[in-house]
Amino acid sequence: MKVNATWKGGNRFIAEADGLGPVTMEWGKGKANFGPMDILLAALAGCTGIDIVDILTKMKERISTVDVSVDGHRREEYPQIYDRIDVKYVVYGQNISREKAERAVELSVEKYCSVSAMLDEKVKLTHSLDIHESAAE
């Protein structure tokens, strides 16, 4: 994968990757788009969320929605990297097995999610899981 980001004036860059994109990134007050560090959190949410949906589907769990909330805490000194990231998974479905959902989270975090694996080297990652019953579709 090759990514190219081009400055578009002010605090804005436009990134494209192998024909994908564009993704607009901004920073500072009044930004209208994700900043680079925001995109990192979104990448973590998407990566681990995709894994969990895939794993639970293969486990024949009847999921209807998976929400992933990521709360990043950055240190004050530069570089202002995340020193802690809290990830909350909320799985909606019918008769979801807590054991299987916990296993799906564990597999994503420890084995499959590349973003999580890269961040784990530098960041304290915490995870929580809620399961909610949803109506039959």
Protein backbone atom coordinates (compact mmCIF):
# COMPACT_ATOMS: atom_id res chain seq x y z
CA MET A 1 0.00 0.00 0.00
CA LYS A 2 1.31 3.39 -0.93
CA VAL A 3 -0.31 6.58 0.36
CA ASN A 4 0.25 10.08 -0.98
CA ALA A 5 -0.87 13.17 0.95
CA THR A 6 -0.90 16.58 -0.71
CA TRP A 7 -1.11 19.87 1.15
CA LYS A 8 -4.16 21.88 0.10
CA GLY A 9 -3.43 25.05 2.08
CA GLY A 10 -4.05 26.01 5.66
CA ASN A 11 -4.21 22.93 7.87
CA ARG A 12 -5.55 20.57 5.22
CA PHE A 13 -4.07 17.57 3.43
CA ILE A 14 -5.78 15.28 0.95
CA ALA A 15 -4.61 11.65 1.00
CA GLU A 16 -5.08 8.96 -1.64
CA ALA A 17 -3.90 5.36 -1.63
CA ASP A 18 -3.55 3.08 -4.63
CA GLY A 19 -6.57 4.61 -6.35
CA LEU A 20 -8.61 4.82 -3.13
CA GLY A 21 -9.75 7.98 -1.45
CA PRO A 22 -9.59 10.84 -1.28
CA VAL A 23 -9.46 11.34 2.48
CA THR A 24 -9.34 14.90 3.75
CA MET A 25 -7.39 15.50 6.95
CA GLU A 26 -7.29 18.71 8.96
CA TRP A 27 -6.03 19.85 12.32
CA GLY A 28 -6.57 22.80 14.58
CA LYS A 29 -9.61 24.70 15.78
CA GLY A 30 -12.64 24.74 13.54
CA LYS A 31 -11.63 21.71 11.51
CA ALA A 32 -14.37 20.15 9.40
CA ASN A 33 -12.67 16.79 8.82
CA PHE A 34 -10.87 14.10 10.76
CA GLY A 35 -7.34 14.87 11.85
CA PRO A 36 -4.56 12.29 11.49
CA MET A 37 -4.90 11.14 15.10
CA ASP A 38 -8.70 10.90 14.71
CA ILE A 39 -8.19 8.66 11.69
CA LEU A 40 -5.97 6.41 13.80
CA LEU A 41 -8.82 5.87 16.28
CA ALA A 42 -11.28 5.30 13.44
CA ALA A 43 -8.88 2.75 11.93
CA LEU A 44 -8.78 0.88 15.24
CA ALA A 45 -12.59 0.90 15.50
CA GLY A 46 -13.02 -0.29 11.92
CA CYS A 47 -10.31 -2.94 12.05
CA THR A 48 -11.46 -4.60 15.24
CA GLY A 49 -15.14 -4.12 14.38
CA ILE A 50 -14.73 -5.90 11.06
CA ASP A 51 -13.00 -8.79 12.85
CA ILE A 52 -15.73 -9.12 15.46
CA VAL A 53 -18.52 -9.15 12.87
CA ASP A 54 -16.64 -11.74 10.83
CA ILE A 55 -15.86 -13.96 13.82
CA LEU A 56 -19.37 -13.81 15.31
CA THR A 57 -20.91 -14.51 11.90
CA LYS A 58 -18.69 -17.58 11.52
CA MET A 59 -19.76 -18.63 15.02
CA LYS A 60 -23.37 -18.50 13.73
CA GLU A 61 -24.32 -15.77 16.17
CA ARG A 62 -27.36 -13.75 15.11
CA ILE A 63 -25.93 -10.23 15.29
CA SER A 64 -27.81 -7.20 13.99
CA THR A 65 -25.40 -4.39 14.87
CA VAL A 66 -21.94 -3.95 16.31
CA ASP A 67 -20.98 -0.52 17.64
CA VAL A 68 -17.36 0.23 18.50
CA SER A 69 -16.58 3.36 20.54
CA VAL A 70 -12.96 4.38 20.88
CA ASP A 71 -11.83 6.97 23.43
CA GLY A 72 -8.23 8.08 23.02
CA HIS A 73 -6.31 9.88 25.76
CA ARG A 74 -3.28 11.87 24.59
CA ARG A 75 -0.37 12.94 26.70
CA GLU A 76 0.34 16.65 27.19
CA GLU A 77 3.98 16.66 26.06
CA TYR A 78 5.13 16.38 22.46
CA PRO A 79 4.78 14.24 20.56
CA GLN A 80 1.19 14.13 21.84
CA ILE A 81 0.71 10.43 21.27
CA TYR A 82 -2.11 8.40 22.75
CA ASP A 83 -1.00 6.90 26.03
CA ARG A 84 -4.31 5.12 26.65
CA ILE A 85 -7.12 4.03 24.37
CA ASP A 86 -10.37 2.60 25.72
CA VAL A 87 -12.42 0.51 23.30
CA LYS A 88 -16.05 -0.32 24.03
CA TYR A 89 -17.89 -2.93 21.97
CA VAL A 90 -21.67 -3.10 21.98
CA VAL A 91 -23.12 -6.12 20.20
CA TYR A 92 -26.81 -6.25 19.35
CA GLY A 93 -28.56 -9.42 18.28
CA GLN A 94 -30.67 -12.36 19.26
CA ASN A 95 -29.49 -14.65 22.05
CA ILE A 96 -25.84 -13.62 21.66
CA SER A 97 -23.52 -15.85 23.66
CA ARG A 98 -21.39 -13.73 26.02
CA GLU A 99 -18.66 -16.38 25.87
CA LYS A 100 -18.55 -16.25 22.07
CA ALA A 101 -18.65 -12.45 21.98
CA GLU A 102 -15.80 -12.23 24.50
CA ARG A 103 -13.83 -14.75 22.43
CA ALA A 104 -14.43 -12.67 19.28
CA VAL A 105 -13.09 -9.56 21.02
CA GLU A 106 -10.09 -11.50 22.33
CA LEU A 107 -9.27 -12.93 18.89
CA SER A 108 -9.54 -9.53 17.25
CA VAL A 109 -7.40 -7.76 19.82
CA GLU A 110 -4.75 -10.44 20.27
CA LYS A 111 -4.55 -12.05 16.84
CA TYR A 112 -6.29 -10.45 13.87
CA CYS A 113 -6.50 -6.64 14.11
CA SER A 114 -3.29 -5.20 12.68
CA VAL A 115 -4.06 -1.71 13.98
CA SER A 116 -4.51 -3.01 17.52
CA ALA A 117 -1.26 -4.98 17.27
CA MET A 118 0.67 -1.90 16.13
CA LEU A 119 -0.78 0.32 18.85
CA ASP A 120 -0.28 -2.28 21.57
CA GLU A 121 3.47 -1.70 21.37
CA LYS A 122 3.10 1.89 22.66
CA VAL A 123 -0.39 2.37 24.10
CA LYS A 124 -2.31 0.93 27.02
CA LEU A 125 -5.40 -0.56 25.35
CA THR A 126 -8.47 -1.42 27.41
CA HIS A 127 -11.61 -3.19 26.17
CA SER A 128 -15.15 -3.63 27.41
CA LEU A 129 -18.14 -5.47 26.00
CA ASP A 130 -21.90 -4.99 26.31
CA ILE A 131 -24.50 -7.24 24.71
CA HIS A 132 -28.05 -6.12 24.01
CA GLU A 133 -30.99 -8.12 22.76
CA SER A 134 -32.53 -6.77 19.56
CA ALA A 135 -35.79 -7.55 17.87
CA ALA A 136 -35.97 -10.29 15.24
CA GLU A 137 -35.48 -9.09 11.68
